[in-house]
Amino acid sequence: MSAAERKFPPVALGMASTVLGTIGLALSILPILGISVAFWGLVVGAVGMLRAAFFQPQELRWALVGCVVSAWAVAIGLTLAFTPISSSHINVHEPAASVPVGRPFTAPPATPAW
């Protein structure tokens, strides 16, 4: 075992990516935090996948799961960040019930102020 292999535990980068992705999912209701944490989870997962492809194949599963969870967290964070708060096609001044054709609109009776 070389010194480079002893530097990290076998699943260090993949597990870190999974943890960052999970934290990003939890923080996705605050998009500025969730997206940034999950982005770093994607970076760490990509580095872990490259490292696993060349040095330690047993780490590939953790790194792949970390990339998937982080990508999911980024997607949810971006969706929440760019979703409009209200729809612009709804007219709030239009009455909820339509008036039949040929009948005038009659207001409901006023409630007495006791």
PDB file of N, CA and C in Angstrom:
ATOM      1  N   MET A   1       0.853  -1.173   0.000  1.00  0.00           N
ATOM      2  CA  MET A   1       0.000   0.000   0.000  1.00  0.00           C
ATOM      3  C   MET A   1       0.899   1.237   0.000  1.00  0.00           C
ATOM      4  N   SER A   2       0.668   2.113  -0.945  1.00  0.00           N
ATOM      5  CA  SER A   2       1.501   3.306  -1.051  1.00  0.00           C
ATOM      6  C   SER A   2       1.005   4.391  -0.101  1.00  0.00           C
ATOM      7  N   ALA A   3       1.792   5.450   0.010  1.00  0.00           N
ATOM      8  CA  ALA A   3       1.428   6.558   0.903  1.00  0.00           C
ATOM      9  C   ALA A   3       0.189   7.289   0.414  1.00  0.00           C
ATOM     10  N   ALA A   4      -0.020   7.356  -0.906  1.00  0.00           N
ATOM     11  CA  ALA A   4      -1.209   8.029  -1.452  1.00  0.00           C
ATOM     12  C   ALA A   4      -2.482   7.266  -1.105  1.00  0.00           C
ATOM     13  N   GLU A   5      -2.399   5.955  -1.061  1.00  0.00           N
ATOM     14  CA  GLU A   5      -3.566   5.152  -0.733  1.00  0.00           C
ATOM     15  C   GLU A   5      -3.890   5.215   0.758  1.00  0.00           C
ATOM     16  N   ARG A   6      -2.910   5.435   1.597  1.00  0.00           N
ATOM     17  CA  ARG A   6      -3.143   5.519   3.034  1.00  0.00           C
ATOM     18  C   ARG A   6      -3.624   6.899   3.469  1.00  0.00           C
ATOM     19  N   LYS A   7      -3.557   7.874   2.584  1.00  0.00           N
ATOM     20  CA  LYS A   7      -3.902   9.235   2.961  1.00  0.00           C
ATOM     21  C   LYS A   7      -5.390   9.386   3.264  1.00  0.00           C
ATOM     22  N   PHE A   8      -6.278   8.780   2.482  1.00  0.00           N
ATOM     23  CA  PHE A   8      -7.719   8.846   2.667  1.00  0.00           C
ATOM     24  C   PHE A   8      -8.258   7.465   3.008  1.00  0.00           C
ATOM     25  N   PRO A   9      -9.307   7.393   3.821  1.00  0.00           N
ATOM     26  CA  PRO A   9     -10.011   6.113   3.943  1.00  0.00           C
ATOM     27  C   PRO A   9     -10.627   5.743   2.597  1.00  0.00           C
ATOM     28  N   PRO A  10     -10.989   4.507   2.369  1.00  0.00           N
ATOM     29  CA  PRO A  10     -11.445   4.084   1.042  1.00  0.00           C
ATOM     30  C   PRO A  10     -12.688   4.817   0.529  1.00  0.00           C
ATOM     31  N   VAL A  11     -13.538   5.286   1.392  1.00  0.00           N
ATOM     32  CA  VAL A  11     -14.776   5.909   0.922  1.00  0.00           C
ATOM     33  C   VAL A  11     -14.883   7.382   1.320  1.00  0.00           C
ATOM     34  N   ALA A  12     -13.775   8.038   1.547  1.00  0.00           N
ATOM     35  CA  ALA A  12     -13.803   9.395   2.104  1.00  0.00           C
ATOM     36  C   ALA A  12     -14.482  10.402   1.181  1.00  0.00           C
ATOM     37  N   LEU A  13     -14.070  10.493  -0.063  1.00  0.00           N
ATOM     38  CA  LEU A  13     -14.632  11.500  -0.967  1.00  0.00           C
ATOM     39  C   LEU A  13     -16.087  11.185  -1.326  1.00  0.00           C
ATOM     40  N   GLY A  14     -16.402   9.919  -1.542  1.00  0.00           N
ATOM     41  CA  GLY A  14     -17.778   9.545  -1.865  1.00  0.00           C
ATOM     42  C   GLY A  14     -18.724   9.805  -0.714  1.00  0.00           C
ATOM     43  N   MET A  15     -18.284   9.477   0.485  1.00  0.00           N
ATOM     44  CA  MET A  15     -19.125   9.718   1.653  1.00  0.00           C
ATOM     45  C   MET A  15     -19.280  11.211   1.909  1.00  0.00           C
ATOM     46  N   ALA A  16     -18.225  11.975   1.717  1.00  0.00           N
ATOM     47  CA  ALA A  16     -18.320  13.427   1.874  1.00  0.00           C
ATOM     48  C   ALA A  16     -19.291  14.019   0.861  1.00  0.00           C
ATOM     49  N   SER A  17     -19.262  13.521  -0.358  1.00  0.00           N
ATOM     50  CA  SER A  17     -20.197  13.979  -1.380  1.00  0.00           C
ATOM     51  C   SER A  17     -21.636  13.630  -1.016  1.00  0.00           C
ATOM     52  N   THR A  18     -21.852  12.450  -0.485  1.00  0.00           N
ATOM     53  CA  THR A  18     -23.190  12.044  -0.068  1.00  0.00           C
ATOM     54  C   THR A  18     -23.690  12.907   1.080  1.00  0.00           C
ATOM     55  N   VAL A  19     -22.827  13.182   2.037  1.00  0.00           N
ATOM     56  CA  VAL A  19     -23.216  14.024   3.171  1.00  0.00           C
ATOM     57  C   VAL A  19     -23.519  15.448   2.710  1.00  0.00           C
ATOM     58  N   LEU A  20     -22.682  16.004   1.837  1.00  0.00           N
ATOM     59  CA  LEU A  20     -22.933  17.354   1.332  1.00  0.00           C
ATOM     60  C   LEU A  20     -24.227  17.414   0.519  1.00  0.00           C
ATOM     61  N   GLY A  21     -24.499  16.376  -0.257  1.00  0.00           N
ATOM     62  CA  GLY A  21     -25.752  16.331  -1.006  1.00  0.00           C
ATOM     63  C   GLY A  21     -26.966  16.240  -0.104  1.00  0.00           C
ATOM     64  N   THR A  22     -26.847  15.468   0.969  1.00  0.00           N
ATOM     65  CA  THR A  22     -27.954  15.352   1.922  1.00  0.00           C
ATOM     66  C   THR A  22     -28.183  16.674   2.651  1.00  0.00           C
ATOM     67  N   ILE A  23     -27.118  17.339   3.036  1.00  0.00           N
ATOM     68  CA  ILE A  23     -27.256  18.656   3.667  1.00  0.00           C
ATOM     69  C   ILE A  23     -27.849  19.648   2.674  1.00  0.00           C
ATOM     70  N   GLY A  24     -27.432  19.562   1.414  1.00  0.00           N
ATOM     71  CA  GLY A  24     -28.003  20.419   0.374  1.00  0.00           C
ATOM     72  C   GLY A  24     -29.486  20.171   0.184  1.00  0.00           C
ATOM     73  N   LEU A  25     -29.909  18.910   0.284  1.00  0.00           N
ATOM     74  CA  LEU A  25     -31.346  18.606   0.208  1.00  0.00           C
ATOM     75  C   LEU A  25     -32.092  19.214   1.385  1.00  0.00           C
ATOM     76  N   ALA A  26     -31.511  19.112   2.564  1.00  0.00           N
ATOM     77  CA  ALA A  26     -32.168  19.665   3.747  1.00  0.00           C
ATOM     78  C   ALA A  26     -32.251  21.188   3.668  1.00  0.00           C
ATOM     79  N   LEU A  27     -31.246  21.815   3.066  1.00  0.00           N
ATOM     80  CA  LEU A  27     -31.222  23.267   2.960  1.00  0.00           C
ATOM     81  C   LEU A  27     -31.848  23.775   1.662  1.00  0.00           C
ATOM     82  N   SER A  28     -32.492  22.917   0.902  1.00  0.00           N
ATOM     83  CA  SER A  28     -33.044  23.356  -0.379  1.00  0.00           C
ATOM     84  C   SER A  28     -34.195  24.338  -0.222  1.00  0.00           C
ATOM     85  N   ILE A  29     -34.772  24.449   0.972  1.00  0.00           N
ATOM     86  CA  ILE A  29     -35.805  25.468   1.179  1.00  0.00           C
ATOM     87  C   ILE A  29     -35.186  26.857   1.253  1.00  0.00           C
ATOM     88  N   LEU A  30     -33.876  26.925   1.483  1.00  0.00           N
ATOM     89  CA  LEU A  30     -33.111  28.175   1.413  1.00  0.00           C
ATOM     90  C   LEU A  30     -32.156  28.028   0.232  1.00  0.00           C
ATOM     91  N   PRO A  31     -32.607  28.378  -0.973  1.00  0.00           N
ATOM     92  CA  PRO A  31     -31.853  28.016  -2.179  1.00  0.00           C
ATOM     93  C   PRO A  31     -30.408  28.491  -2.213  1.00  0.00           C
ATOM     94  N   ILE A  32     -30.089  29.649  -1.668  1.00  0.00           N
ATOM     95  CA  ILE A  32     -28.714  30.132  -1.751  1.00  0.00           C
ATOM     96  C   ILE A  32     -27.769  29.218  -0.967  1.00  0.00           C
ATOM     97  N   LEU A  33     -28.233  28.657   0.131  1.00  0.00           N
ATOM     98  CA  LEU A  33     -27.400  27.730   0.914  1.00  0.00           C
ATOM     99  C   LEU A  33     -27.423  26.330   0.321  1.00  0.00           C
ATOM    100  N   GLY A  34     -28.621  25.854  -0.016  1.00  0.00           N
ATOM    101  CA  GLY A  34     -28.759  24.486  -0.510  1.00  0.00           C
ATOM    102  C   GLY A  34     -28.028  24.256  -1.816  1.00  0.00           C
ATOM    103  N   ILE A  35     -28.125  25.224  -2.743  1.00  0.00           N
ATOM    104  CA  ILE A  35     -27.477  25.061  -4.038  1.00  0.00           C
ATOM    105  C   ILE A  35     -25.964  25.076  -3.887  1.00  0.00           C
ATOM    106  N   SER A  36     -25.448  25.972  -3.050  1.00  0.00           N
ATOM    107  CA  SER A  36     -23.992  26.052  -2.910  1.00  0.00           C
ATOM    108  C   SER A  36     -23.418  24.810  -2.228  1.00  0.00           C
ATOM    109  N   VAL A  37     -24.072  24.312  -1.204  1.00  0.00           N
ATOM    110  CA  VAL A  37     -23.584  23.099  -0.527  1.00  0.00           C
ATOM    111  C   VAL A  37     -23.669  21.902  -1.468  1.00  0.00           C
ATOM    112  N   ALA A  38     -24.780  21.780  -2.192  1.00  0.00           N
ATOM    113  CA  ALA A  38     -24.947  20.656  -3.113  1.00  0.00           C
ATOM    114  C   ALA A  38     -23.985  20.754  -4.295  1.00  0.00           C
ATOM    115  N   PHE A  39     -23.676  21.980  -4.739  1.00  0.00           N
ATOM    116  CA  PHE A  39     -22.688  22.144  -5.812  1.00  0.00           C
ATOM    117  C   PHE A  39     -21.332  21.595  -5.378  1.00  0.00           C
ATOM    118  N   TRP A  40     -20.917  21.912  -4.149  1.00  0.00           N
ATOM    119  CA  TRP A  40     -19.649  21.383  -3.669  1.00  0.00           C
ATOM    120  C   TRP A  40     -19.721  19.874  -3.482  1.00  0.00           C
ATOM    121  N   GLY A  41     -20.911  19.357  -3.173  1.00  0.00           N
ATOM    122  CA  GLY A  41     -21.081  17.911  -3.135  1.00  0.00           C
ATOM    123  C   GLY A  41     -20.869  17.280  -4.503  1.00  0.00           C
ATOM    124  N   LEU A  42     -21.343  17.972  -5.554  1.00  0.00           N
ATOM    125  CA  LEU A  42     -21.109  17.487  -6.921  1.00  0.00           C
ATOM    126  C   LEU A  42     -19.619  17.497  -7.263  1.00  0.00           C
ATOM    127  N   VAL A  43     -18.934  18.558  -6.868  1.00  0.00           N
ATOM    128  CA  VAL A  43     -17.492  18.657  -7.158  1.00  0.00           C
ATOM    129  C   VAL A  43     -16.734  17.547  -6.446  1.00  0.00           C
ATOM    130  N   VAL A  44     -17.023  17.369  -5.162  1.00  0.00           N
ATOM    131  CA  VAL A  44     -16.335  16.317  -4.397  1.00  0.00           C
ATOM    132  C   VAL A  44     -16.681  14.932  -4.953  1.00  0.00           C
ATOM    133  N   GLY A  45     -17.929  14.739  -5.349  1.00  0.00           N
ATOM    134  CA  GLY A  45     -18.320  13.457  -5.937  1.00  0.00           C
ATOM    135  C   GLY A  45     -17.639  13.192  -7.263  1.00  0.00           C
ATOM    136  N   ALA A  46     -17.483  14.235  -8.093  1.00  0.00           N
ATOM    137  CA  ALA A  46     -16.788  14.056  -9.372  1.00  0.00           C
ATOM    138  C   ALA A  46     -15.314  13.710  -9.150  1.00  0.00           C
ATOM    139  N   VAL A  47     -14.681  14.381  -8.187  1.00  0.00           N
ATOM    140  CA  VAL A  47     -13.287  14.055  -7.861  1.00  0.00           C
ATOM    141  C   VAL A  47     -13.203  12.625  -7.319  1.00  0.00           C
ATOM    142  N   GLY A  48     -14.170  12.248  -6.498  1.00  0.00           N
ATOM    143  CA  GLY A  48     -14.191  10.884  -5.972  1.00  0.00           C
ATOM    144  C   GLY A  48     -14.387   9.839  -7.063  1.00  0.00           C
ATOM    145  N   MET A  49     -15.225  10.164  -8.066  1.00  0.00           N
ATOM    146  CA  MET A  49     -15.417   9.212  -9.165  1.00  0.00           C
ATOM    147  C   MET A  49     -14.158   9.088 -10.022  1.00  0.00           C
ATOM    148  N   LEU A  50     -13.478  10.211 -10.261  1.00  0.00           N
ATOM    149  CA  LEU A  50     -12.224  10.139 -11.014  1.00  0.00           C
ATOM    150  C   LEU A  50     -11.164   9.355 -10.246  1.00  0.00           C
ATOM    151  N   ARG A  51     -11.093   9.597  -8.953  1.00  0.00           N
ATOM    152  CA  ARG A  51     -10.122   8.880  -8.123  1.00  0.00           C
ATOM    153  C   ARG A  51     -10.454   7.385  -8.082  1.00  0.00           C
ATOM    154  N   ALA A  52     -11.746   7.074  -8.015  1.00  0.00           N
ATOM    155  CA  ALA A  52     -12.149   5.668  -7.970  1.00  0.00           C
ATOM    156  C   ALA A  52     -11.884   4.972  -9.299  1.00  0.00           C
ATOM    157  N   ALA A  53     -12.035   5.713 -10.394  1.00  0.00           N
ATOM    158  CA  ALA A  53     -11.806   5.099 -11.700  1.00  0.00           C
ATOM    159  C   ALA A  53     -10.345   4.691 -11.883  1.00  0.00           C
ATOM    160  N   PHE A  54      -9.418   5.437 -11.276  1.00  0.00           N
ATOM    161  CA  PHE A  54      -8.007   5.143 -11.472  1.00  0.00           C
ATOM    162  C   PHE A  54      -7.345   4.399 -10.319  1.00  0.00           C
ATOM    163  N   PHE A  55      -7.818   4.610  -9.075  1.00  0.00           N
ATOM    164  CA  PHE A  55      -7.083   4.055  -7.943  1.00  0.00           C
ATOM    165  C   PHE A  55      -7.886   3.057  -7.112  1.00  0.00           C
ATOM    166  N   GLN A  56      -9.088   3.441  -6.680  1.00  0.00           N
ATOM    167  CA  GLN A  56      -9.850   2.593  -5.757  1.00  0.00           C
ATOM    168  C   GLN A  56     -11.271   2.376  -6.284  1.00  0.00           C
ATOM    169  N   PRO A  57     -11.512   1.283  -6.985  1.00  0.00           N
ATOM    170  CA  PRO A  57     -12.843   1.055  -7.564  1.00  0.00           C
ATOM    171  C   PRO A  57     -13.948   0.852  -6.512  1.00  0.00           C
ATOM    172  N   GLN A  58     -13.607   0.462  -5.295  1.00  0.00           N
ATOM    173  CA  GLN A  58     -14.637   0.251  -4.277  1.00  0.00           C
ATOM    174  C   GLN A  58     -15.274   1.559  -3.834  1.00  0.00           C
ATOM    175  N   GLU A  59     -14.645   2.696  -4.114  1.00  0.00           N
ATOM    176  CA  GLU A  59     -15.192   3.996  -3.735  1.00  0.00           C
ATOM    177  C   GLU A  59     -16.201   4.513  -4.763  1.00  0.00           C
ATOM    178  N   LEU A  60     -16.294   3.866  -5.902  1.00  0.00           N
ATOM    179  CA  LEU A  60     -17.137   4.358  -6.986  1.00  0.00           C
ATOM    180  C   LEU A  60     -18.609   4.433  -6.591  1.00  0.00           C
ATOM    181  N   ARG A  61     -19.093   3.458  -5.844  1.00  0.00           N
ATOM    182  CA  ARG A  61     -20.513   3.472  -5.452  1.00  0.00           C
ATOM    183  C   ARG A  61     -20.853   4.681  -4.599  1.00  0.00           C
ATOM    184  N   TRP A  62     -20.027   4.972  -3.595  1.00  0.00           N
ATOM    185  CA  TRP A  62     -20.283   6.124  -2.731  1.00  0.00           C
ATOM    186  C   TRP A  62     -20.227   7.424  -3.519  1.00  0.00           C
ATOM    187  N   ALA A  63     -19.241   7.542  -4.390  1.00  0.00           N
ATOM    188  CA  ALA A  63     -19.101   8.768  -5.177  1.00  0.00           C
ATOM    189  C   ALA A  63     -20.270   8.939  -6.135  1.00  0.00           C
ATOM    190  N   LEU A  64     -20.732   7.847  -6.722  1.00  0.00           N
ATOM    191  CA  LEU A  64     -21.875   7.923  -7.631  1.00  0.00           C
ATOM    192  C   LEU A  64     -23.143   8.314  -6.886  1.00  0.00           C
ATOM    193  N   VAL A  65     -23.374   7.717  -5.728  1.00  0.00           N
ATOM    194  CA  VAL A  65     -24.536   8.091  -4.913  1.00  0.00           C
ATOM    195  C   VAL A  65     -24.439   9.554  -4.484  1.00  0.00           C
ATOM    196  N   GLY A  66     -23.250   9.996  -4.112  1.00  0.00           N
ATOM    197  CA  GLY A  66     -23.062  11.389  -3.724  1.00  0.00           C
ATOM    198  C   GLY A  66     -23.358  12.343  -4.865  1.00  0.00           C
ATOM    199  N   CYS A  67     -22.920  12.003  -6.077  1.00  0.00           N
ATOM    200  CA  CYS A  67     -23.216  12.854  -7.238  1.00  0.00           C
ATOM    201  C   CYS A  67     -24.707  12.891  -7.532  1.00  0.00           C
ATOM    202  N   VAL A  68     -25.379  11.756  -7.420  1.00  0.00           N
ATOM    203  CA  VAL A  68     -26.821  11.715  -7.695  1.00  0.00           C
ATOM    204  C   VAL A  68     -27.588  12.540  -6.657  1.00  0.00           C
ATOM    205  N   VAL A  69     -27.275  12.360  -5.385  1.00  0.00           N
ATOM    206  CA  VAL A  69     -27.963  13.111  -4.329  1.00  0.00           C
ATOM    207  C   VAL A  69     -27.671  14.604  -4.457  1.00  0.00           C
ATOM    208  N   SER A  70     -26.437  14.954  -4.765  1.00  0.00           N
ATOM    209  CA  SER A  70     -26.081  16.364  -4.916  1.00  0.00           C
ATOM    210  C   SER A  70     -26.763  16.982  -6.133  1.00  0.00           C
ATOM    211  N   ALA A  71     -26.811  16.252  -7.238  1.00  0.00           N
ATOM    212  CA  ALA A  71     -27.495  16.758  -8.433  1.00  0.00           C
ATOM    213  C   ALA A  71     -28.985  16.942  -8.163  1.00  0.00           C
ATOM    214  N   TRP A  72     -29.561  16.022  -7.417  1.00  0.00           N
ATOM    215  CA  TRP A  72     -30.976  16.131  -7.050  1.00  0.00           C
ATOM    216  C   TRP A  72     -31.198  17.376  -6.188  1.00  0.00           C
ATOM    217  N   ALA A  73     -30.311  17.615  -5.254  1.00  0.00           N
ATOM    218  CA  ALA A  73     -30.429  18.789  -4.384  1.00  0.00           C
ATOM    219  C   ALA A  73     -30.271  20.086  -5.178  1.00  0.00           C
ATOM    220  N   VAL A  74     -29.337  20.109  -6.132  1.00  0.00           N
ATOM    221  CA  VAL A  74     -29.179  21.303  -6.978  1.00  0.00           C
ATOM    222  C   VAL A  74     -30.436  21.526  -7.810  1.00  0.00           C
ATOM    223  N   ALA A  75     -30.993  20.462  -8.364  1.00  0.00           N
ATOM    224  CA  ALA A  75     -32.205  20.593  -9.184  1.00  0.00           C
ATOM    225  C   ALA A  75     -33.380  21.114  -8.357  1.00  0.00           C
ATOM    226  N   ILE A  76     -33.561  20.593  -7.160  1.00  0.00           N
ATOM    227  CA  ILE A  76     -34.651  21.059  -6.303  1.00  0.00           C
ATOM    228  C   ILE A  76     -34.414  22.503  -5.884  1.00  0.00           C
ATOM    229  N   GLY A  77     -33.191  22.848  -5.535  1.00  0.00           N
ATOM    230  CA  GLY A  77     -32.874  24.219  -5.147  1.00  0.00           C
ATOM    231  C   GLY A  77     -33.106  25.204  -6.275  1.00  0.00           C
ATOM    232  N   LEU A  78     -32.680  24.854  -7.492  1.00  0.00           N
ATOM    233  CA  LEU A  78     -32.909  25.732  -8.638  1.00  0.00           C
ATOM    234  C   LEU A  78     -34.393  25.852  -8.969  1.00  0.00           C
ATOM    235  N   THR A  79     -35.120  24.753  -8.831  1.00  0.00           N
ATOM    236  CA  THR A  79     -36.561  24.797  -9.079  1.00  0.00           C
ATOM    237  C   THR A  79     -37.243  25.725  -8.091  1.00  0.00           C
ATOM    238  N   LEU A  80     -36.883  25.617  -6.831  1.00  0.00           N
ATOM    239  CA  LEU A  80     -37.490  26.498  -5.826  1.00  0.00           C
ATOM    240  C   LEU A  80     -37.036  27.942  -5.984  1.00  0.00           C
ATOM    241  N   ALA A  81     -35.820  28.152  -6.449  1.00  0.00           N
ATOM    242  CA  ALA A  81     -35.311  29.514  -6.602  1.00  0.00           C
ATOM    243  C   ALA A  81     -35.975  30.242  -7.764  1.00  0.00           C
ATOM    244  N   PHE A  82     -36.300  29.531  -8.832  1.00  0.00           N
ATOM    245  CA  PHE A  82     -36.826  30.186 -10.024  1.00  0.00           C
ATOM    246  C   PHE A  82     -38.312  29.953 -10.252  1.00  0.00           C
ATOM    247  N   THR A  83     -39.012  29.374  -9.297  1.00  0.00           N
ATOM    248  CA  THR A  83     -40.444  29.208  -9.414  1.00  0.00           C
ATOM    249  C   THR A  83     -41.123  30.518  -9.035  1.00  0.00           C
ATOM    250  N   PRO A  84     -42.040  30.997  -9.879  1.00  0.00           N
ATOM    251  CA  PRO A  84     -42.720  32.248  -9.516  1.00  0.00           C
ATOM    252  C   PRO A  84     -43.605  32.058  -8.290  1.00  0.00           C
ATOM    253  N   ILE A  85     -43.719  33.113  -7.518  1.00  0.00           N
ATOM    254  CA  ILE A  85     -44.519  33.039  -6.294  1.00  0.00           C
ATOM    255  C   ILE A  85     -46.007  32.971  -6.618  1.00  0.00           C
ATOM    256  N   SER A  86     -46.437  33.738  -7.593  1.00  0.00           N
ATOM    257  CA  SER A  86     -47.851  33.700  -7.979  1.00  0.00           C
ATOM    258  C   SER A  86     -47.941  33.627  -9.490  1.00  0.00           C
ATOM    259  N   SER A  87     -49.066  33.164  -9.957  1.00  0.00           N
ATOM    260  CA  SER A  87     -49.294  33.091 -11.398  1.00  0.00           C
ATOM    261  C   SER A  87     -49.822  34.426 -11.888  1.00  0.00           C
ATOM    262  N   SER A  88     -49.328  34.884 -12.998  1.00  0.00           N
ATOM    263  CA  SER A  88     -49.754  36.180 -13.518  1.00  0.00           C
ATOM    264  C   SER A  88     -51.022  36.077 -14.353  1.00  0.00           C
ATOM    265  N   HIS A  89     -51.453  34.870 -14.707  1.00  0.00           N
ATOM    266  CA  HIS A  89     -52.637  34.747 -15.548  1.00  0.00           C
ATOM    267  C   HIS A  89     -53.941  34.741 -14.740  1.00  0.00           C
ATOM    268  N   ILE A  90     -53.880  34.752 -13.430  1.00  0.00           N
ATOM    269  CA  ILE A  90     -55.076  34.752 -12.606  1.00  0.00           C
ATOM    270  C   ILE A  90     -55.500  36.193 -12.355  1.00  0.00           C
ATOM    271  N   ASN A  91     -56.747  36.494 -12.664  1.00  0.00           N
ATOM    272  CA  ASN A  91     -57.275  37.838 -12.437  1.00  0.00           C
ATOM    273  C   ASN A  91     -57.972  37.840 -11.084  1.00  0.00           C
ATOM    274  N   VAL A  92     -57.430  38.564 -10.117  1.00  0.00           N
ATOM    275  CA  VAL A  92     -57.992  38.557  -8.772  1.00  0.00           C
ATOM    276  C   VAL A  92     -59.230  39.442  -8.669  1.00  0.00           C
ATOM    277  N   HIS A  93     -59.484  40.302  -9.652  1.00  0.00           N
ATOM    278  CA  HIS A  93     -60.637  41.183  -9.606  1.00  0.00           C
ATOM    279  C   HIS A  93     -61.875  40.557 -10.238  1.00  0.00           C
ATOM    280  N   GLU A  94     -61.740  39.430 -10.822  1.00  0.00           N
ATOM    281  CA  GLU A  94     -62.860  38.754 -11.449  1.00  0.00           C
ATOM    282  C   GLU A  94     -63.647  37.997 -10.380  1.00  0.00           C
ATOM    283  N   PRO A  95     -64.997  38.064 -10.390  1.00  0.00           N
ATOM    284  CA  PRO A  95     -65.758  37.326  -9.388  1.00  0.00           C
ATOM    285  C   PRO A  95     -65.565  35.821  -9.546  1.00  0.00           C
ATOM    286  N   ALA A  96     -65.641  35.111  -8.443  1.00  0.00           N
ATOM    287  CA  ALA A  96     -65.408  33.669  -8.466  1.00  0.00           C
ATOM    288  C   ALA A  96     -66.489  32.943  -9.239  1.00  0.00           C
ATOM    289  N   ALA A  97     -67.732  33.343  -9.079  1.00  0.00           N
ATOM    290  CA  ALA A  97     -68.841  32.715  -9.791  1.00  0.00           C
ATOM    291  C   ALA A  97     -69.244  33.618 -10.946  1.00  0.00           C
ATOM    292  N   SER A  98     -69.487  33.026 -12.084  1.00  0.00           N
ATOM    293  CA  SER A  98     -69.891  33.833 -13.226  1.00  0.00           C
ATOM    294  C   SER A  98     -71.403  34.072 -13.175  1.00  0.00           C
ATOM    295  N   VAL A  99     -71.815  35.209 -13.696  1.00  0.00           N
ATOM    296  CA  VAL A  99     -73.222  35.580 -13.724  1.00  0.00           C
ATOM    297  C   VAL A  99     -73.827  34.994 -14.986  1.00  0.00           C
ATOM    298  N   PRO A 100     -74.970  34.309 -14.879  1.00  0.00           N
ATOM    299  CA  PRO A 100     -75.606  33.765 -16.078  1.00  0.00           C
ATOM    300  C   PRO A 100     -75.986  34.886 -17.052  1.00  0.00           C
ATOM    301  N   VAL A 101     -75.978  34.580 -18.324  1.00  0.00           N
ATOM    302  CA  VAL A 101     -76.307  35.558 -19.354  1.00  0.00           C
ATOM    303  C   VAL A 101     -77.779  35.928 -19.246  1.00  0.00           C
ATOM    304  N   GLY A 102     -78.049  37.234 -19.305  1.00  0.00           N
ATOM    305  CA  GLY A 102     -79.426  37.700 -19.245  1.00  0.00           C
ATOM    306  C   GLY A 102     -79.907  38.036 -17.850  1.00  0.00           C
ATOM    307  N   ARG A 103     -79.151  37.712 -16.837  1.00  0.00           N
ATOM    308  CA  ARG A 103     -79.548  38.020 -15.462  1.00  0.00           C
ATOM    309  C   ARG A 103     -78.594  39.042 -14.891  1.00  0.00           C
ATOM    310  N   PRO A 104     -79.084  40.086 -14.291  1.00  0.00           N
ATOM    311  CA  PRO A 104     -78.185  41.076 -13.694  1.00  0.00           C
ATOM    312  C   PRO A 104     -77.562  40.529 -12.414  1.00  0.00           C
ATOM    313  N   PHE A 105     -76.435  41.088 -12.088  1.00  0.00           N
ATOM    314  CA  PHE A 105     -75.752  40.682 -10.861  1.00  0.00           C
ATOM    315  C   PHE A 105     -76.419  41.345  -9.670  1.00  0.00           C
ATOM    316  N   THR A 106     -76.748  40.549  -8.678  1.00  0.00           N
ATOM    317  CA  THR A 106     -77.344  41.056  -7.451  1.00  0.00           C
ATOM    318  C   THR A 106     -76.377  40.781  -6.312  1.00  0.00           C
ATOM    319  N   ALA A 107     -76.048  41.835  -5.595  1.00  0.00           N
ATOM    320  CA  ALA A 107     -75.122  41.696  -4.484  1.00  0.00           C
ATOM    321  C   ALA A 107     -75.790  40.953  -3.345  1.00  0.00           C
ATOM    322  N   PRO A 108     -75.049  40.216  -2.558  1.00  0.00           N
ATOM    323  CA  PRO A 108     -75.623  39.533  -1.404  1.00  0.00           C
ATOM    324  C   PRO A 108     -76.056  40.567  -0.357  1.00  0.00           C
ATOM    325  N   PRO A 109     -77.017  40.175   0.492  1.00  0.00           N
ATOM    326  CA  PRO A 109     -77.479  41.132   1.502  1.00  0.00           C
ATOM    327  C   PRO A 109     -76.376  41.456   2.490  1.00  0.00           C
ATOM    328  N   ALA A 110     -76.427  42.661   2.990  1.00  0.00           N
ATOM    329  CA  ALA A 110     -75.437  43.104   3.964  1.00  0.00           C
ATOM    330  C   ALA A 110     -75.708  42.444   5.307  1.00  0.00           C
ATOM    331  N   THR A 111     -74.672  42.189   6.057  1.00  0.00           N
ATOM    332  CA  THR A 111     -74.847  41.626   7.384  1.00  0.00           C
ATOM    333  C   THR A 111     -75.098  42.757   8.368  1.00  0.00           C
ATOM    334  N   PRO A 112     -76.000  42.546   9.297  1.00  0.00           N
ATOM    335  CA  PRO A 112     -76.289  43.614  10.255  1.00  0.00           C
ATOM    336  C   PRO A 112     -75.100  43.830  11.208  1.00  0.00           C
ATOM    337  N   ALA A 113     -74.828  45.051  11.530  1.00  0.00           N
ATOM    338  CA  ALA A 113     -73.755  45.399  12.465  1.00  0.00           C
ATOM    339  C   ALA A 113     -74.366  45.506  13.868  1.00  0.00           C
ATOM    340  N   TRP A 114     -74.253  44.516  14.644  1.00  0.00           N
ATOM    341  CA  TRP A 114     -74.861  44.493  15.987  1.00  0.00           C
ATOM    342  C   TRP A 114     -73.971  45.148  16.944  1.00  0.00           C
TER     343      TRP A 114
END
